[in-house]
Amino acid sequence: MSEKRVDESWKDKVETEKETVVKETVVKETVVKETVVNEDSSSASQMEEFPEPTFSVFISSLAMQALIALGEIENPITNKKETEPEQAKYLIDTISMIQEKTKNNLTEEEAKIIDQILYELRMKYVAGLNKG
């Protein structure tokens, strides 16, 4: 009887392929983990840039939007001073509505801030209408 010859070199090839796949998987997992960590840290740094949410900061942010719409401040997206009177009026009316709804619930300082902001925005709005 003749002896059977078995080619077992395929086992080495399979083992090499397995090691390659495992290494690639580890590399991919590491890249994903590093990306997530970097995104988390950038989110954390972005959160640190925002001021504490207060009534005054909220009203001020609406006022800044109104000033942009009045053409008093450059639009940060277009880097141009643009006039949008309808949007400015909407924002001024929104601040006025907030003032009315929060009447007697604001601190003295908050009430002064909203009064001053509304006065200044209304004056700038009227001046803008008189220009055009």
N, C-alpha and C. Protein backbone atom coordinates (compact mmCIF):
# COMPACT_ATOMS: atom_id res chain seq x y z
N MET A 1 0.82 -1.18 0.00
CA MET A 1 0.00 0.00 0.00
C MET A 1 0.86 1.24 0.00
N SER A 2 0.34 2.19 -0.69
CA SER A 2 1.09 3.43 -0.74
C SER A 2 0.66 4.36 0.40
N GLU A 3 1.58 5.12 0.84
CA GLU A 3 1.31 6.04 1.92
C GLU A 3 0.62 7.30 1.38
N LYS A 4 -0.36 7.80 2.12
CA LYS A 4 -1.08 9.02 1.70
C LYS A 4 -0.26 10.24 2.06
N ARG A 5 -0.23 11.15 1.13
CA ARG A 5 0.45 12.43 1.39
C ARG A 5 -0.61 13.50 1.60
N VAL A 6 -0.55 14.17 2.69
CA VAL A 6 -1.50 15.24 3.00
C VAL A 6 -0.76 16.57 2.98
N ASP A 7 -1.29 17.48 2.17
CA ASP A 7 -0.70 18.82 2.09
C ASP A 7 -1.30 19.67 3.22
N GLU A 8 -0.50 19.99 4.19
CA GLU A 8 -0.99 20.76 5.33
C GLU A 8 -0.51 22.21 5.30
N SER A 9 0.02 22.66 4.21
CA SER A 9 0.49 24.04 4.10
C SER A 9 -0.68 25.03 4.18
N TRP A 10 -1.88 24.59 3.85
CA TRP A 10 -3.05 25.46 3.90
C TRP A 10 -3.31 25.94 5.33
N LYS A 11 -2.92 25.08 6.31
CA LYS A 11 -3.14 25.46 7.72
C LYS A 11 -2.33 26.71 8.06
N ASP A 12 -1.10 26.78 7.56
CA ASP A 12 -0.26 27.94 7.81
C ASP A 12 -0.86 29.20 7.16
N LYS A 13 -1.38 29.04 5.94
CA LYS A 13 -1.99 30.18 5.24
C LYS A 13 -3.21 30.69 6.02
N VAL A 14 -4.04 29.78 6.49
CA VAL A 14 -5.24 30.17 7.24
C VAL A 14 -4.83 30.88 8.53
N GLU A 15 -3.84 30.37 9.21
CA GLU A 15 -3.37 30.99 10.46
C GLU A 15 -2.84 32.39 10.21
N THR A 16 -2.10 32.59 9.12
CA THR A 16 -1.57 33.90 8.76
C THR A 16 -2.72 34.87 8.45
N GLU A 17 -3.71 34.39 7.71
CA GLU A 17 -4.86 35.23 7.39
C GLU A 17 -5.62 35.61 8.65
N LYS A 18 -5.77 34.68 9.58
CA LYS A 18 -6.45 34.96 10.85
C LYS A 18 -5.73 36.07 11.60
N GLU A 19 -4.41 35.95 11.68
CA GLU A 19 -3.62 36.96 12.39
C GLU A 19 -3.77 38.33 11.73
N THR A 20 -3.79 38.36 10.41
CA THR A 20 -3.95 39.62 9.69
C THR A 20 -5.31 40.25 9.99
N VAL A 21 -6.35 39.43 9.96
CA VAL A 21 -7.70 39.93 10.24
C VAL A 21 -7.78 40.45 11.67
N VAL A 22 -7.21 39.73 12.61
CA VAL A 22 -7.24 40.17 14.01
C VAL A 22 -6.50 41.50 14.15
N LYS A 23 -5.33 41.62 13.52
CA LYS A 23 -4.56 42.87 13.60
C LYS A 23 -5.36 44.03 12.99
N GLU A 24 -5.98 43.81 11.84
CA GLU A 24 -6.77 44.86 11.20
C GLU A 24 -7.95 45.28 12.08
N THR A 25 -8.58 44.31 12.71
CA THR A 25 -9.72 44.59 13.59
C THR A 25 -9.27 45.43 14.78
N VAL A 26 -8.14 45.07 15.37
CA VAL A 26 -7.62 45.82 16.51
C VAL A 26 -7.29 47.25 16.09
N VAL A 27 -6.68 47.40 14.93
CA VAL A 27 -6.35 48.75 14.44
C VAL A 27 -7.63 49.55 14.23
N LYS A 28 -8.63 48.96 13.60
CA LYS A 28 -9.90 49.67 13.36
C LYS A 28 -10.56 50.06 14.67
N GLU A 29 -10.59 49.15 15.64
CA GLU A 29 -11.21 49.45 16.93
C GLU A 29 -10.46 50.58 17.64
N THR A 30 -9.14 50.58 17.54
CA THR A 30 -8.35 51.63 18.15
C THR A 30 -8.65 52.98 17.51
N VAL A 31 -8.75 53.00 16.19
CA VAL A 31 -9.05 54.25 15.48
C VAL A 31 -10.43 54.76 15.89
N VAL A 32 -11.40 53.86 15.96
CA VAL A 32 -12.75 54.26 16.35
C VAL A 32 -12.75 54.81 17.77
N LYS A 33 -12.07 54.13 18.68
CA LYS A 33 -12.02 54.59 20.08
C LYS A 33 -11.35 55.95 20.17
N GLU A 34 -10.25 56.14 19.44
CA GLU A 34 -9.56 57.43 19.47
C GLU A 34 -10.44 58.53 18.91
N THR A 35 -11.18 58.23 17.86
CA THR A 35 -12.09 59.22 17.26
C THR A 35 -13.16 59.62 18.25
N VAL A 36 -13.74 58.63 18.94
CA VAL A 36 -14.79 58.92 19.92
C VAL A 36 -14.23 59.75 21.06
N VAL A 37 -13.04 59.41 21.54
CA VAL A 37 -12.42 60.17 22.62
C VAL A 37 -12.15 61.59 22.17
N ASN A 38 -11.63 61.76 20.95
CA ASN A 38 -11.36 63.11 20.45
C ASN A 38 -12.64 63.91 20.29
N GLU A 39 -13.70 63.28 19.80
CA GLU A 39 -14.98 63.98 19.66
C GLU A 39 -15.53 64.37 21.02
N ASP A 40 -15.40 63.48 22.00
CA ASP A 40 -15.88 63.78 23.35
C ASP A 40 -15.12 64.95 23.95
N SER A 41 -13.80 64.98 23.77
CA SER A 41 -13.01 66.06 24.34
C SER A 41 -13.29 67.37 23.62
N SER A 42 -13.54 67.33 22.29
CA SER A 42 -13.86 68.58 21.59
C SER A 42 -15.24 69.07 21.99
N SER A 43 -16.16 68.15 22.25
CA SER A 43 -17.48 68.55 22.73
C SER A 43 -17.37 69.19 24.10
N ALA A 44 -16.52 68.63 24.93
CA ALA A 44 -16.33 69.18 26.27
C ALA A 44 -15.73 70.57 26.18
N SER A 45 -14.76 70.77 25.28
CA SER A 45 -14.16 72.09 25.17
C SER A 45 -15.16 73.09 24.61
N GLN A 46 -16.05 72.64 23.71
CA GLN A 46 -17.08 73.53 23.19
C GLN A 46 -18.05 73.92 24.31
N MET A 47 -18.38 72.98 25.17
CA MET A 47 -19.31 73.27 26.27
C MET A 47 -18.72 74.31 27.21
N GLU A 48 -17.40 74.30 27.39
CA GLU A 48 -16.75 75.25 28.27
C GLU A 48 -16.83 76.67 27.72
N GLU A 49 -17.01 76.83 26.42
CA GLU A 49 -17.05 78.15 25.80
C GLU A 49 -18.37 78.87 26.02
N PHE A 50 -19.43 78.16 26.34
CA PHE A 50 -20.73 78.77 26.50
C PHE A 50 -20.88 79.35 27.90
N PRO A 51 -21.47 80.54 27.99
CA PRO A 51 -21.69 81.12 29.31
C PRO A 51 -22.82 80.36 30.02
N GLU A 52 -22.90 80.58 31.31
CA GLU A 52 -23.98 79.96 32.08
C GLU A 52 -25.32 80.47 31.55
N PRO A 53 -26.28 79.59 31.34
CA PRO A 53 -27.57 80.06 30.83
C PRO A 53 -28.32 80.85 31.90
N THR A 54 -28.49 82.13 31.62
CA THR A 54 -29.25 82.99 32.52
C THR A 54 -30.27 83.76 31.69
N PHE A 55 -31.19 84.38 32.35
CA PHE A 55 -32.20 85.18 31.66
C PHE A 55 -31.53 86.30 30.87
N SER A 56 -30.56 86.97 31.48
CA SER A 56 -29.88 88.09 30.84
C SER A 56 -29.12 87.65 29.59
N VAL A 57 -28.45 86.50 29.66
CA VAL A 57 -27.72 85.98 28.50
C VAL A 57 -28.70 85.63 27.39
N PHE A 58 -29.82 85.03 27.76
CA PHE A 58 -30.84 84.66 26.77
C PHE A 58 -31.38 85.90 26.05
N ILE A 59 -31.75 86.92 26.81
CA ILE A 59 -32.29 88.16 26.22
C ILE A 59 -31.21 88.84 25.38
N SER A 60 -29.97 88.81 25.85
CA SER A 60 -28.87 89.41 25.10
C SER A 60 -28.65 88.70 23.76
N SER A 61 -28.82 87.38 23.75
CA SER A 61 -28.63 86.65 22.50
C SER A 61 -29.72 87.02 21.49
N LEU A 62 -30.95 87.21 21.97
CA LEU A 62 -32.02 87.66 21.07
C LEU A 62 -31.73 89.08 20.57
N ALA A 63 -31.21 89.92 21.46
CA ALA A 63 -30.88 91.29 21.07
C ALA A 63 -29.77 91.31 20.02
N MET A 64 -28.79 90.44 20.16
CA MET A 64 -27.71 90.36 19.16
C MET A 64 -28.28 89.96 17.80
N GLN A 65 -29.20 89.02 17.79
CA GLN A 65 -29.83 88.62 16.54
C GLN A 65 -30.59 89.80 15.93
N ALA A 66 -31.27 90.56 16.78
CA ALA A 66 -32.00 91.73 16.28
C ALA A 66 -31.04 92.77 15.72
N LEU A 67 -29.90 92.98 16.39
CA LEU A 67 -28.91 93.94 15.89
C LEU A 67 -28.34 93.50 14.54
N ILE A 68 -28.17 92.22 14.36
CA ILE A 68 -27.72 91.70 13.06
C ILE A 68 -28.78 91.98 12.01
N ALA A 69 -30.05 91.74 12.35
CA ALA A 69 -31.14 91.97 11.40
C ALA A 69 -31.32 93.46 11.09
N LEU A 70 -30.95 94.31 12.04
CA LEU A 70 -31.03 95.75 11.82
C LEU A 70 -29.83 96.29 11.02
N GLY A 71 -28.85 95.43 10.78
CA GLY A 71 -27.67 95.86 10.04
C GLY A 71 -26.67 96.61 10.91
N GLU A 72 -26.81 96.53 12.22
CA GLU A 72 -25.88 97.20 13.13
C GLU A 72 -24.61 96.39 13.35
N ILE A 73 -24.72 95.08 13.17
CA ILE A 73 -23.60 94.15 13.37
C ILE A 73 -23.51 93.28 12.12
N GLU A 74 -22.29 92.91 11.74
CA GLU A 74 -22.12 92.02 10.59
C GLU A 74 -22.75 90.66 10.87
N ASN A 75 -23.37 90.11 9.85
CA ASN A 75 -23.89 88.75 9.94
C ASN A 75 -22.69 87.81 9.99
N PRO A 76 -22.57 86.98 11.03
CA PRO A 76 -21.38 86.12 11.14
C PRO A 76 -21.28 85.08 10.03
N ILE A 77 -22.35 84.79 9.36
CA ILE A 77 -22.32 83.80 8.28
C ILE A 77 -21.82 84.43 6.98
N THR A 78 -22.34 85.62 6.66
CA THR A 78 -21.96 86.27 5.39
C THR A 78 -20.85 87.30 5.55
N ASN A 79 -20.55 87.67 6.80
CA ASN A 79 -19.57 88.73 7.09
C ASN A 79 -19.93 90.05 6.43
N LYS A 80 -21.24 90.30 6.30
CA LYS A 80 -21.74 91.55 5.73
C LYS A 80 -22.82 92.11 6.65
N LYS A 81 -22.94 93.43 6.62
CA LYS A 81 -24.05 94.06 7.32
C LYS A 81 -25.26 94.00 6.41
N GLU A 82 -26.28 93.33 6.86
CA GLU A 82 -27.50 93.15 6.07
C GLU A 82 -28.69 93.64 6.88
N THR A 83 -29.64 94.25 6.21
CA THR A 83 -30.83 94.76 6.89
C THR A 83 -32.02 93.87 6.56
N GLU A 84 -32.64 93.35 7.60
CA GLU A 84 -33.85 92.55 7.46
C GLU A 84 -34.87 93.06 8.48
N PRO A 85 -35.57 94.15 8.15
CA PRO A 85 -36.45 94.81 9.11
C PRO A 85 -37.56 93.91 9.65
N GLU A 86 -38.08 93.02 8.83
CA GLU A 86 -39.16 92.14 9.30
C GLU A 86 -38.65 91.18 10.37
N GLN A 87 -37.46 90.66 10.18
CA GLN A 87 -36.88 89.78 11.18
C GLN A 87 -36.56 90.56 12.45
N ALA A 88 -36.03 91.77 12.29
CA ALA A 88 -35.72 92.61 13.45
C ALA A 88 -36.99 92.90 14.24
N LYS A 89 -38.07 93.24 13.55
CA LYS A 89 -39.34 93.51 14.24
C LYS A 89 -39.83 92.26 14.98
N TYR A 90 -39.71 91.12 14.36
CA TYR A 90 -40.12 89.86 15.00
C TYR A 90 -39.33 89.63 16.29
N LEU A 91 -38.03 89.84 16.23
CA LEU A 91 -37.20 89.63 17.42
C LEU A 91 -37.51 90.65 18.52
N ILE A 92 -37.72 91.90 18.13
CA ILE A 92 -38.08 92.93 19.11
C ILE A 92 -39.43 92.58 19.74
N ASP A 93 -40.39 92.17 18.93
CA ASP A 93 -41.70 91.77 19.47
C ASP A 93 -41.58 90.54 20.38
N THR A 94 -40.67 89.64 20.05
CA THR A 94 -40.46 88.45 20.88
C THR A 94 -39.91 88.85 22.25
N ILE A 95 -38.93 89.74 22.26
CA ILE A 95 -38.37 90.21 23.53
C ILE A 95 -39.45 90.94 24.33
N SER A 96 -40.27 91.72 23.65
CA SER A 96 -41.37 92.44 24.31
C SER A 96 -42.37 91.46 24.92
N MET A 97 -42.68 90.38 24.20
CA MET A 97 -43.59 89.37 24.70
C MET A 97 -43.00 88.69 25.94
N ILE A 98 -41.71 88.41 25.91
CA ILE A 98 -41.05 87.80 27.06
C ILE A 98 -41.10 88.75 28.25
N GLN A 99 -40.90 90.04 27.99
CA GLN A 99 -40.99 91.04 29.06
C GLN A 99 -42.37 91.01 29.71
N GLU A 100 -43.40 90.96 28.87
CA GLU A 100 -44.77 90.95 29.38
C GLU A 100 -45.06 89.68 30.18
N LYS A 101 -44.63 88.54 29.67
CA LYS A 101 -44.91 87.25 30.31
C LYS A 101 -44.13 87.06 31.61
N THR A 102 -43.01 87.77 31.74
CA THR A 102 -42.19 87.59 32.95
C THR A 102 -42.34 88.75 33.93
N LYS A 103 -43.27 89.65 33.64
CA LYS A 103 -43.48 90.81 34.51
C LYS A 103 -43.71 90.34 35.95
N ASN A 104 -43.07 91.01 36.89
CA ASN A 104 -43.14 90.72 38.32
C ASN A 104 -42.43 89.42 38.70
N ASN A 105 -41.73 88.80 37.76
CA ASN A 105 -40.96 87.60 38.08
C ASN A 105 -39.47 87.81 37.85
N LEU A 106 -39.08 89.03 37.49
CA LEU A 106 -37.69 89.32 37.19
C LEU A 106 -37.04 90.05 38.37
N THR A 107 -35.73 89.88 38.47
CA THR A 107 -35.01 90.70 39.45
C THR A 107 -35.00 92.13 38.93
N GLU A 108 -34.65 93.05 39.78
CA GLU A 108 -34.59 94.46 39.36
C GLU A 108 -33.59 94.63 38.23
N GLU A 109 -32.45 93.96 38.35
CA GLU A 109 -31.42 94.05 37.31
C GLU A 109 -31.92 93.49 35.98
N GLU A 110 -32.60 92.34 36.00
CA GLU A 110 -33.13 91.74 34.77
C GLU A 110 -34.16 92.64 34.12
N ALA A 111 -35.01 93.25 34.94
CA ALA A 111 -36.03 94.17 34.41
C ALA A 111 -35.38 95.38 33.74
N LYS A 112 -34.32 95.92 34.36
CA LYS A 112 -33.62 97.06 33.76
C LYS A 112 -32.96 96.66 32.45
N ILE A 113 -32.36 95.48 32.41
CA ILE A 113 -31.68 95.01 31.19
C ILE A 113 -32.68 94.89 30.05
N ILE A 114 -33.82 94.25 30.31
CA ILE A 114 -34.79 94.05 29.22
C ILE A 114 -35.40 95.40 28.79
N ASP A 115 -35.63 96.31 29.74
CA ASP A 115 -36.13 97.65 29.39
C ASP A 115 -35.13 98.38 28.49
N GLN A 116 -33.86 98.37 28.88
CA GLN A 116 -32.83 99.06 28.12
C GLN A 116 -32.66 98.46 26.73
N ILE A 117 -32.62 97.13 26.66
CA ILE A 117 -32.47 96.46 25.37
C ILE A 117 -33.62 96.81 24.45
N LEU A 118 -34.85 96.75 24.96
CA LEU A 118 -36.00 97.06 24.12
C LEU A 118 -35.98 98.52 23.66
N TYR A 119 -35.62 99.43 24.55
CA TYR A 119 -35.55 100.84 24.18
C TYR A 119 -34.56 101.04 23.03
N GLU A 120 -33.34 100.50 23.21
CA GLU A 120 -32.30 100.68 22.20
C GLU A 120 -32.68 100.03 20.86
N LEU A 121 -33.23 98.83 20.92
CA LEU A 121 -33.62 98.15 19.67
C LEU A 121 -34.74 98.90 18.96
N ARG A 122 -35.71 99.39 19.71
CA ARG A 122 -36.82 100.13 19.09
C ARG A 122 -36.33 101.41 18.44
N MET A 123 -35.40 102.10 19.10
CA MET A 123 -34.86 103.34 18.53
C MET A 123 -34.08 103.05 17.24
N LYS A 124 -33.29 102.00 17.24
CA LYS A 124 -32.53 101.63 16.05
C LYS A 124 -33.46 101.17 14.93
N TYR A 125 -34.54 100.48 15.29
CA TYR A 125 -35.51 100.02 14.29
C TYR A 125 -36.18 101.22 13.61
N VAL A 126 -36.63 102.18 14.41
CA VAL A 126 -37.28 103.38 13.86
C VAL A 126 -36.28 104.18 13.02
N ALA A 127 -35.06 104.31 13.50
CA ALA A 127 -34.04 105.05 12.73
C ALA A 127 -33.78 104.35 11.40
N GLY A 128 -33.78 103.03 11.41
CA GLY A 128 -33.59 102.28 10.16
C GLY A 128 -34.73 102.47 9.19
N LEU A 129 -35.95 102.54 9.71
CA LEU A 129 -37.12 102.77 8.84
C LEU A 129 -37.07 104.16 8.22
N ASN A 130 -36.59 105.13 9.01
CA ASN A 130 -36.52 106.49 8.50
C ASN A 130 -35.42 106.67 7.44
N LYS A 131 -34.37 105.82 7.49
CA LYS A 131 -33.32 105.87 6.47
C LYS A 131 -33.83 105.39 5.12
N GLY A 132 -34.57 104.29 5.17
CA GLY A 132 -34.97 103.63 3.92
C GLY A 132 -36.24 104.13 3.44
